[in-house]
Amino acid sequence: MKFLVIFSFIFLLTTPLLAQPGLKDVLSDHWASQAIAELVSLEVTAGYPDGTFRGSAPISRFEMAAFLAKLALRSGPKYQKLIHELRNEASVLKYEQQQAAFATSLSGTFTPQIKMTSTKAQAGYRLQLSMLKNFMANSWRLNLDTIDTGFNSNVNRDLATGLLDFEGRLKLDRWDWKIKVGPGPIVHTEPDNVFPAENKTVYDRPRTGVEARTRVGALDFSAGYVARQVAMSGLVGVHELTSQLGFHFGQQYLYFQPHYLFVIDGGRDVLVEAGLDWRKTNILLGYGGSGQYLRLAQKIGGWLELSYDTVSPNYRSALCQNEFIPLNNFNRYVLDGTTDLGVKITQDLSNQVGLSFKADSVAGQSEYFLWQAGLDYATSPAMTLGVFYRSYSVPSGVDQFSFAVPTNSRMVGLSLSSSF
């Protein structure tokens, strides 16, 4: 019924006309030009004051109300039945939106994978599930992520404290509240260093904490608490108080974010960050301990991403661990005293086939070069077959975490990702 009504509406509006719409951004050979011209002739619309129609721009409910009201008054009897049906359709859509506002949904991804070197092969999987429950503007979400447990039988992570996390969103007046309960980032350790390029891969999971955020005009403000180190007993070792003040001006966004970390009756530490997002450029400056941090990131043409991270020695204290800096292209920490130059390229060859390349060159206390080339094939909208080749070069034979590794190692991977 919905498609029949819409089709009928389009059919009636696209009656051949002798005149064109006369709007600057509607060409005479555009597929909708005749329909727009009839609306103009009926004085249902005259476009915007600058003489444009802006056919690709979103339409507000106010504009839609004015549009239908004018159409009902000026279009004549042949449209009345159709407008009545459109009203019925609008009622159905409103009902569906109301149902969606209280809907419960389940989604996920299942990814089996095979990794191979010249001497060893390993099969495994990763399962990610998410259950979302809406309550109008509020919601809660429960997530399950098997992370590295399916790839290595030696890894044993507790279900409640390692694999599950919870997020609740609540809107109160002008404030958006977010409550999270989770294990925090989980660092994978590769037993026997069979796949050295996989060692110390970070699974970025949410930490337990609460955040309140609001916006007034061009200003963003948030404040929150994070439990940074939590023992199996539930005792919090390191606490964090953080806030952020951001300012939007044009296509730029400038923000300032301090972090205060402390242990009850123990140590204290402060990190301060200032960032600028300008179109597709990101600049981040950090100061903490006795050092500084600089990040430059640039996106070019939607297919190329470049990043440069340099961290001075002693930037982060023991309370900070290795965090407060984005992970590199291989989900690894950028450590103090190192510089990481990254590149990422993605290119679609067709609707089904995509090529990818990523690399990180790290210099400093331990140097390495890690790169990967991959090919993805979408067998269906919900299923993708991927193959990749990865090369890892560590000239010193000792990686940045002081593990002995081959100076050169290679790995081939094959995966099948299914979403539902």
Protein backbone atom coordinates (compact mmCIF):
# COMPACT_ATOMS: atom_id res chain seq x y z
CA MET A 1 0.00 0.00 0.00
CA LYS A 2 2.79 2.42 0.93
CA PHE A 3 4.58 2.03 -2.38
CA LEU A 4 1.29 2.23 -4.36
CA VAL A 5 0.40 5.56 -2.74
CA ILE A 6 3.83 7.02 -3.30
CA PHE A 7 3.85 5.81 -6.91
CA SER A 8 0.41 7.32 -7.53
CA PHE A 9 1.50 10.61 -6.02
CA ILE A 10 4.57 10.76 -8.25
CA PHE A 11 2.49 9.78 -11.29
CA LEU A 12 -0.01 12.59 -10.75
CA LEU A 13 2.72 15.15 -10.18
CA THR A 14 4.65 14.19 -13.29
CA THR A 15 1.99 15.12 -15.84
CA PRO A 16 3.77 16.54 -18.94
CA LEU A 17 4.20 20.32 -18.75
CA LEU A 18 4.98 22.97 -21.30
CA ALA A 19 7.03 25.04 -18.84
CA GLN A 20 10.12 24.22 -16.81
CA PRO A 21 10.44 24.94 -13.06
CA GLY A 22 12.62 28.05 -13.49
CA LEU A 23 14.82 27.15 -10.49
CA LYS A 24 18.57 27.57 -10.81
CA ASP A 25 19.52 24.12 -9.52
CA VAL A 26 16.85 22.14 -11.46
CA LEU A 27 17.98 21.44 -15.03
CA SER A 28 15.41 20.90 -17.76
CA ASP A 29 16.58 17.31 -18.32
CA HIS A 30 16.42 16.36 -14.62
CA TRP A 31 14.12 13.39 -14.02
CA ALA A 32 11.99 15.38 -11.53
CA SER A 33 11.86 18.70 -13.41
CA GLN A 34 8.28 18.27 -14.67
CA ALA A 35 6.96 17.34 -11.22
CA ILE A 36 8.68 20.37 -9.70
CA ALA A 37 7.32 22.60 -12.45
CA GLU A 38 3.74 21.54 -11.68
CA LEU A 39 4.23 22.26 -7.98
CA VAL A 40 5.52 25.72 -8.92
CA SER A 41 2.55 26.32 -11.25
CA LEU A 42 0.15 25.32 -8.45
CA GLU A 43 2.01 27.75 -6.15
CA VAL A 44 2.65 24.89 -3.74
CA THR A 45 6.30 25.88 -3.73
CA ALA A 46 8.42 28.66 -5.17
CA GLY A 47 11.74 27.36 -3.97
CA TYR A 48 14.08 29.25 -1.66
CA PRO A 49 14.60 33.04 -1.82
CA ASP A 50 17.90 32.54 -3.67
CA GLY A 51 16.05 30.83 -6.55
CA THR A 52 17.09 27.25 -5.70
CA PHE A 53 14.99 24.15 -4.97
CA ARG A 54 17.64 22.21 -2.94
CA GLY A 55 16.15 18.86 -3.87
CA SER A 56 18.75 16.85 -1.95
CA ALA A 57 18.39 18.79 1.32
CA PRO A 58 16.44 17.29 4.27
CA ILE A 59 12.86 18.55 4.76
CA SER A 60 11.53 19.53 8.18
CA ARG A 61 8.08 18.69 9.56
CA PHE A 62 7.16 22.40 9.32
CA GLU A 63 8.01 22.45 5.61
CA MET A 64 6.08 19.23 5.02
CA ALA A 65 3.01 20.64 6.81
CA ALA A 66 3.07 23.80 4.67
CA PHE A 67 3.59 21.73 1.52
CA LEU A 68 0.60 19.44 2.16
CA ALA A 69 -1.64 22.32 3.24
CA LYS A 70 -0.98 24.27 0.02
CA LEU A 71 -1.38 21.13 -2.06
CA ALA A 72 -4.76 20.38 -0.46
CA LEU A 73 -6.05 23.93 -1.10
CA ARG A 74 -4.81 24.44 -4.66
CA SER A 75 -4.62 21.08 -6.39
CA GLY A 76 -8.30 20.33 -7.10
CA PRO A 77 -10.53 17.26 -6.62
CA LYS A 78 -8.34 14.72 -8.38
CA TYR A 79 -5.75 14.99 -5.60
CA GLN A 80 -8.08 14.83 -2.60
CA LYS A 81 -8.30 11.03 -2.48
CA LEU A 82 -4.55 10.74 -2.78
CA ILE A 83 -3.94 13.29 -0.02
CA HIS A 84 -6.33 11.34 2.23
CA GLU A 85 -4.31 8.19 1.57
CA LEU A 86 -1.09 10.07 2.27
CA ARG A 87 -2.50 11.14 5.63
CA ASN A 88 -3.31 7.50 6.42
CA GLU A 89 0.21 6.54 5.38
CA ALA A 90 1.64 9.27 7.62
CA SER A 91 -0.37 7.84 10.54
CA VAL A 92 1.11 4.40 9.86
CA LEU A 93 4.62 5.85 9.73
CA LYS A 94 4.00 7.71 13.00
CA TYR A 95 2.84 4.48 14.63
CA GLU A 96 5.95 2.66 13.37
CA GLN A 97 8.16 5.42 14.79
CA GLN A 98 6.41 5.15 18.15
CA GLN A 99 6.95 1.39 18.13
CA ALA A 100 10.61 1.87 17.24
CA ALA A 101 10.99 4.27 20.17
CA PHE A 102 10.36 1.32 22.52
CA ALA A 103 11.85 -1.43 20.34
CA THR A 104 14.33 -4.12 21.35
CA SER A 105 16.85 -5.19 18.72
CA LEU A 106 19.62 -7.77 18.51
CA SER A 107 22.55 -7.45 16.11
CA GLY A 108 25.97 -8.96 15.78
CA THR A 109 28.92 -10.14 13.74
CA PHE A 110 30.49 -13.58 13.55
CA THR A 111 33.97 -13.78 12.04
CA PRO A 112 35.81 -17.11 11.65
CA GLN A 113 39.43 -16.70 10.57
CA ILE A 114 42.48 -18.75 9.60
CA LYS A 115 45.99 -17.34 10.22
CA MET A 116 49.03 -18.99 8.69
CA THR A 117 52.82 -18.63 8.75
CA SER A 118 55.37 -20.82 6.98
CA THR A 119 55.41 -23.14 10.01
CA LYS A 120 52.01 -22.90 11.69
CA ALA A 121 48.30 -22.40 11.04
CA GLN A 122 45.59 -21.49 13.50
CA ALA A 123 41.82 -21.33 13.11
CA GLY A 124 39.53 -19.33 15.35
CA TYR A 125 36.60 -16.95 15.54
CA ARG A 126 35.34 -13.72 17.05
CA LEU A 127 31.69 -13.23 18.02
CA GLN A 128 30.22 -9.80 18.77
CA LEU A 129 26.60 -9.46 19.95
CA SER A 130 24.66 -6.35 20.91
CA MET A 131 21.17 -6.07 22.43
CA LEU A 132 19.61 -2.59 22.33
CA LYS A 133 16.47 -1.52 24.19
CA ASN A 134 14.98 1.93 23.51
CA PHE A 135 12.87 3.98 25.92
CA MET A 136 11.99 7.03 23.78
CA ALA A 137 15.11 9.24 24.03
CA ASN A 138 16.71 6.84 26.52
CA SER A 139 18.25 3.41 25.91
CA TRP A 140 20.40 0.66 27.30
CA ARG A 141 22.73 -1.65 25.41
CA LEU A 142 24.30 -4.96 26.47
CA ASN A 143 27.32 -6.13 24.45
CA LEU A 144 29.14 -9.45 24.27
CA ASP A 145 32.58 -9.67 22.62
CA THR A 146 34.60 -12.89 22.67
CA ILE A 147 37.68 -10.82 21.61
CA ASP A 148 40.69 -13.19 21.54
CA THR A 149 39.20 -16.16 23.41
CA GLY A 150 38.11 -17.85 20.17
CA PHE A 151 41.55 -17.58 18.57
CA ASN A 152 43.67 -19.05 21.31
CA SER A 153 42.67 -21.83 23.68
CA ASN A 154 45.26 -20.65 26.24
CA VAL A 155 43.33 -17.42 26.80
CA ASN A 156 40.72 -17.62 29.56
CA ARG A 157 38.75 -14.45 30.20
CA ASP A 158 35.92 -14.20 32.70
CA LEU A 159 32.50 -13.70 31.10
CA ALA A 160 31.23 -11.03 33.47
CA THR A 161 34.44 -9.00 33.82
CA GLY A 162 36.08 -9.54 30.42
CA LEU A 163 33.52 -10.30 27.72
CA LEU A 164 30.41 -8.32 28.66
CA ASP A 165 29.86 -4.57 28.86
CA PHE A 166 26.82 -2.36 29.44
CA GLU A 167 25.92 1.13 28.29
CA GLY A 168 22.95 3.22 29.38
CA ARG A 169 21.92 6.56 27.85
CA LEU A 170 19.61 8.97 29.64
CA LYS A 171 18.42 12.44 28.64
CA LEU A 172 17.50 14.82 31.45
CA ASP A 173 16.55 18.32 30.41
CA ARG A 174 19.57 19.67 28.47
CA TRP A 175 21.97 17.01 29.70
CA ASP A 176 22.81 13.72 28.00
CA TRP A 177 24.01 11.14 30.51
CA LYS A 178 26.01 8.05 29.61
CA ILE A 179 26.74 5.22 32.06
CA LYS A 180 29.16 2.45 31.14
CA VAL A 181 30.19 -0.74 32.89
CA GLY A 182 33.00 -2.61 31.17
CA PRO A 183 36.43 -4.24 31.47
CA GLY A 184 38.43 -1.47 29.78
CA PRO A 185 41.02 -2.12 27.04
CA ILE A 186 42.21 -5.73 26.89
CA VAL A 187 45.74 -6.42 25.66
CA HIS A 188 46.34 -9.72 23.86
CA THR A 189 49.56 -11.60 24.64
CA GLU A 190 50.62 -14.08 21.98
CA PRO A 191 51.85 -17.33 23.61
CA ASP A 192 55.20 -18.58 22.30
CA ASN A 193 55.20 -15.56 19.97
CA VAL A 194 53.99 -17.73 17.07
CA PHE A 195 52.35 -14.70 15.44
CA PRO A 196 54.58 -11.85 16.67
CA ALA A 197 52.64 -9.21 14.72
CA GLU A 198 49.59 -10.12 16.83
CA ASN A 199 51.37 -9.71 20.16
CA LYS A 200 50.13 -6.80 22.30
CA THR A 201 47.13 -6.14 20.07
CA VAL A 202 44.66 -4.02 22.03
CA TYR A 203 40.91 -4.73 22.11
CA ASP A 204 39.46 -1.32 22.91
CA ARG A 205 36.61 -2.09 25.33
CA PRO A 206 34.72 0.53 27.40
CA ARG A 207 35.72 1.35 30.96
CA THR A 208 33.32 1.68 33.87
CA GLY A 209 32.30 5.30 34.36
CA VAL A 210 29.68 8.00 34.02
CA GLU A 211 29.59 11.09 31.78
CA ALA A 212 27.25 14.08 31.44
CA ARG A 213 27.29 16.19 28.28
CA THR A 214 25.44 19.29 27.12
CA ARG A 215 25.60 21.88 24.37
CA VAL A 216 24.76 25.57 24.52
CA GLY A 217 25.02 27.30 21.17
CA ALA A 218 28.47 26.65 19.78
CA LEU A 219 29.84 25.34 23.10
CA ASP A 220 30.07 21.68 24.16
CA PHE A 221 30.75 20.74 27.77
CA SER A 222 31.16 17.36 29.41
CA ALA A 223 32.30 16.06 32.78
CA GLY A 224 32.80 12.52 33.93
CA TYR A 225 34.33 9.90 36.18
CA VAL A 226 36.23 6.79 35.01
CA ALA A 227 37.40 3.79 37.03
CA ARG A 228 40.72 3.24 35.28
CA GLN A 229 42.05 0.18 37.10
CA VAL A 230 39.61 -2.30 38.61
CA ALA A 231 40.70 -5.49 40.38
CA MET A 232 38.81 -8.79 40.03
CA SER A 233 37.38 -8.09 43.49
CA GLY A 234 35.80 -4.89 42.14
CA LEU A 235 38.15 -2.61 44.06
CA VAL A 236 39.07 0.49 42.03
CA GLY A 237 42.81 1.15 42.02
CA VAL A 238 43.07 4.29 39.86
CA HIS A 239 40.33 6.92 39.56
CA GLU A 240 39.98 9.57 36.86
CA LEU A 241 38.06 12.83 36.80
CA THR A 242 37.85 14.38 33.37
CA SER A 243 36.04 17.14 31.52
CA GLN A 244 35.99 18.65 28.05
CA LEU A 245 35.16 22.11 26.75
CA GLY A 246 34.64 22.36 22.99
CA PHE A 247 33.84 25.22 20.65
CA HIS A 248 32.35 24.95 17.13
CA PHE A 249 33.14 27.71 14.67
CA GLY A 250 32.37 27.10 11.02
CA GLN A 251 33.93 23.82 9.97
CA GLN A 252 36.35 23.88 12.88
CA TYR A 253 36.05 22.34 16.32
CA LEU A 254 38.45 23.35 19.10
CA TYR A 255 38.50 21.47 22.40
CA PHE A 256 40.35 21.42 25.71
CA GLN A 257 40.38 18.32 27.94
CA PRO A 258 42.15 17.85 31.30
CA HIS A 259 42.47 14.46 33.05
CA TYR A 260 43.09 14.15 36.78
CA LEU A 261 44.16 10.69 37.93
CA PHE A 262 44.57 9.64 41.53
CA VAL A 263 44.82 6.75 43.94
CA ILE A 264 43.09 7.02 47.29
CA ASP A 265 45.87 7.87 49.78
CA GLY A 266 48.32 7.47 46.88
CA GLY A 267 49.77 9.08 43.77
CA ARG A 268 48.40 11.87 41.61
CA ASP A 269 48.84 12.77 37.95
CA VAL A 270 47.47 15.33 35.48
CA LEU A 271 47.31 15.16 31.68
CA VAL A 272 46.06 18.08 29.61
CA GLU A 273 45.05 17.83 25.95
CA ALA A 274 44.07 20.46 23.39
CA GLY A 275 42.80 19.53 19.95
CA LEU A 276 41.62 21.07 16.70
CA ASP A 277 39.46 19.34 14.11
CA TRP A 278 39.44 21.30 10.87
CA ARG A 279 37.60 19.70 7.96
CA LYS A 280 39.58 16.46 7.49
CA THR A 281 42.57 17.52 9.59
CA ASN A 282 43.06 16.65 13.26
CA ILE A 283 45.72 18.20 15.51
CA LEU A 284 46.13 17.04 19.11
CA LEU A 285 48.61 18.40 21.66
CA GLY A 286 49.14 16.83 25.06
CA TYR A 287 51.16 17.70 28.14
CA GLY A 288 51.77 15.45 31.12
CA GLY A 289 54.47 14.34 33.53
CA SER A 290 57.67 15.75 32.09
CA GLY A 291 56.88 15.32 28.42
CA GLN A 292 54.63 16.24 25.53
CA TYR A 293 52.65 14.51 22.82
CA LEU A 294 51.75 15.60 19.29
CA ARG A 295 49.37 13.99 16.82
CA LEU A 296 48.71 15.10 13.26
CA ALA A 297 46.14 13.24 11.16
CA GLN A 298 44.88 14.00 7.67
CA LYS A 299 42.22 12.41 5.44
CA ILE A 300 42.62 12.92 1.71
CA GLY A 301 39.90 12.28 -0.83
CA GLY A 302 38.03 9.66 1.24
CA TRP A 303 40.57 6.94 0.37
CA LEU A 304 43.83 8.00 2.05
CA GLU A 305 44.55 8.61 5.75
CA LEU A 306 47.91 9.79 7.11
CA SER A 307 48.87 10.02 10.78
CA TYR A 308 51.92 11.15 12.73
CA ASP A 309 52.31 10.55 16.48
CA THR A 310 55.35 11.53 18.48
CA VAL A 311 55.59 11.01 22.25
CA SER A 312 58.43 12.26 24.40
CA PRO A 313 59.88 10.05 27.18
CA ASN A 314 58.01 10.09 30.51
CA TYR A 315 54.87 11.61 28.99
CA ARG A 316 52.68 9.21 30.98
CA SER A 317 53.16 8.02 34.55
CA ALA A 318 52.38 4.52 35.86
CA LEU A 319 48.82 5.68 36.59
CA CYS A 320 48.21 6.33 32.88
CA GLN A 321 49.56 3.00 31.61
CA ASN A 322 49.97 3.33 27.81
CA GLU A 323 46.71 5.09 27.03
CA PHE A 324 45.47 8.62 26.22
CA ILE A 325 46.87 8.31 22.70
CA PRO A 326 44.91 6.76 19.81
CA LEU A 327 45.95 3.25 18.81
CA ASN A 328 47.88 2.92 15.58
CA ASN A 329 46.58 1.18 12.45
CA PHE A 330 47.21 -2.27 13.96
CA ASN A 331 45.52 -1.51 17.30
CA ARG A 332 48.81 -1.19 19.13
CA TYR A 333 49.85 1.37 21.72
CA VAL A 334 52.16 4.21 20.76
CA LEU A 335 54.64 4.14 23.67
CA ASP A 336 56.54 6.97 25.34
CA GLY A 337 59.75 7.85 23.55
CA THR A 338 58.53 6.69 20.13
CA THR A 339 57.33 8.16 16.86
CA ASP A 340 54.71 6.40 14.75
CA LEU A 341 54.08 7.28 11.11
CA GLY A 342 50.96 5.59 9.75
CA VAL A 343 49.21 5.32 6.41
CA LYS A 344 45.89 3.73 5.48
CA ILE A 345 44.46 3.32 1.97
CA THR A 346 41.03 1.97 1.04
CA GLN A 347 39.77 1.72 -2.52
CA ASP A 348 36.57 0.17 -3.87
CA LEU A 349 37.08 -1.58 -7.20
CA SER A 350 33.37 -2.31 -7.55
CA ASN A 351 30.25 -2.64 -5.40
CA GLN A 352 31.55 -6.00 -4.18
CA VAL A 353 35.35 -5.79 -4.25
CA GLY A 354 37.56 -3.54 -2.15
CA LEU A 355 41.33 -3.19 -1.71
CA SER A 356 43.03 -2.02 1.47
CA PHE A 357 46.55 -1.22 2.63
CA LYS A 358 47.84 -0.05 5.98
CA ALA A 359 51.28 0.44 7.48
CA ASP A 360 53.01 1.77 10.59
CA SER A 361 56.66 2.75 10.80
CA VAL A 362 57.79 3.10 14.41
CA ALA A 363 61.08 4.67 15.54
CA GLY A 364 62.46 5.24 19.01
CA GLN A 365 63.21 2.85 21.85
CA SER A 366 62.36 -0.02 19.49
CA GLU A 367 62.01 0.25 15.73
CA TYR A 368 59.67 -1.80 13.57
CA PHE A 369 57.81 -1.66 10.28
CA LEU A 370 54.44 -3.40 9.99
CA TRP A 371 52.30 -3.43 6.87
CA GLN A 372 49.32 -5.32 5.50
CA ALA A 373 47.55 -5.56 2.15
CA GLY A 374 44.05 -6.99 1.90
CA LEU A 375 41.25 -7.82 -0.51
CA ASP A 376 37.57 -7.99 0.51
CA TYR A 377 34.73 -9.51 -1.49
CA ALA A 378 31.12 -8.92 -0.42
CA THR A 379 29.32 -12.15 -1.28
CA SER A 380 26.07 -10.58 -0.02
CA PRO A 381 25.05 -7.40 1.88
CA ALA A 382 25.60 -9.28 5.16
CA MET A 383 28.63 -11.42 4.34
CA THR A 384 32.20 -10.49 3.37
CA LEU A 385 35.11 -12.75 2.46
CA GLY A 386 38.54 -11.28 3.20
CA VAL A 387 42.14 -12.27 2.59
CA PHE A 388 45.24 -10.39 3.74
CA TYR A 389 49.02 -10.58 3.76
CA ARG A 390 50.97 -9.05 6.67
CA SER A 391 54.71 -8.38 7.00
CA TYR A 392 56.47 -7.50 10.28
CA SER A 393 60.09 -6.31 10.36
CA VAL A 394 62.03 -5.73 13.61
CA PRO A 395 65.72 -5.10 12.78
CA SER A 396 66.93 -5.47 16.38
CA GLY A 397 65.11 -8.77 17.00
CA VAL A 398 63.55 -7.28 20.17
CA ASP A 399 60.15 -5.61 19.92
CA GLN A 400 58.99 -2.50 21.77
CA PHE A 401 57.70 -4.62 24.65
CA SER A 402 61.11 -6.34 25.08
CA PHE A 403 60.00 -9.64 23.52
CA ALA A 404 62.46 -11.55 21.34
CA VAL A 405 61.00 -11.79 17.82
CA PRO A 406 62.26 -12.79 14.36
CA THR A 407 63.77 -9.88 12.44
CA ASN A 408 61.28 -10.66 9.65
CA SER A 409 57.98 -12.54 9.89
CA ARG A 410 55.02 -12.92 7.59
CA MET A 411 51.44 -14.02 7.97
CA VAL A 412 48.52 -14.78 5.66
CA GLY A 413 44.93 -14.57 6.87
CA LEU A 414 41.55 -15.63 5.54
CA SER A 415 38.27 -14.55 7.16
CA LEU A 416 34.53 -14.68 6.55
CA SER A 417 32.54 -11.98 8.32
CA SER A 418 28.78 -12.39 8.67
CA SER A 419 26.51 -9.66 10.09
CA PHE A 420 22.99 -10.15 11.36
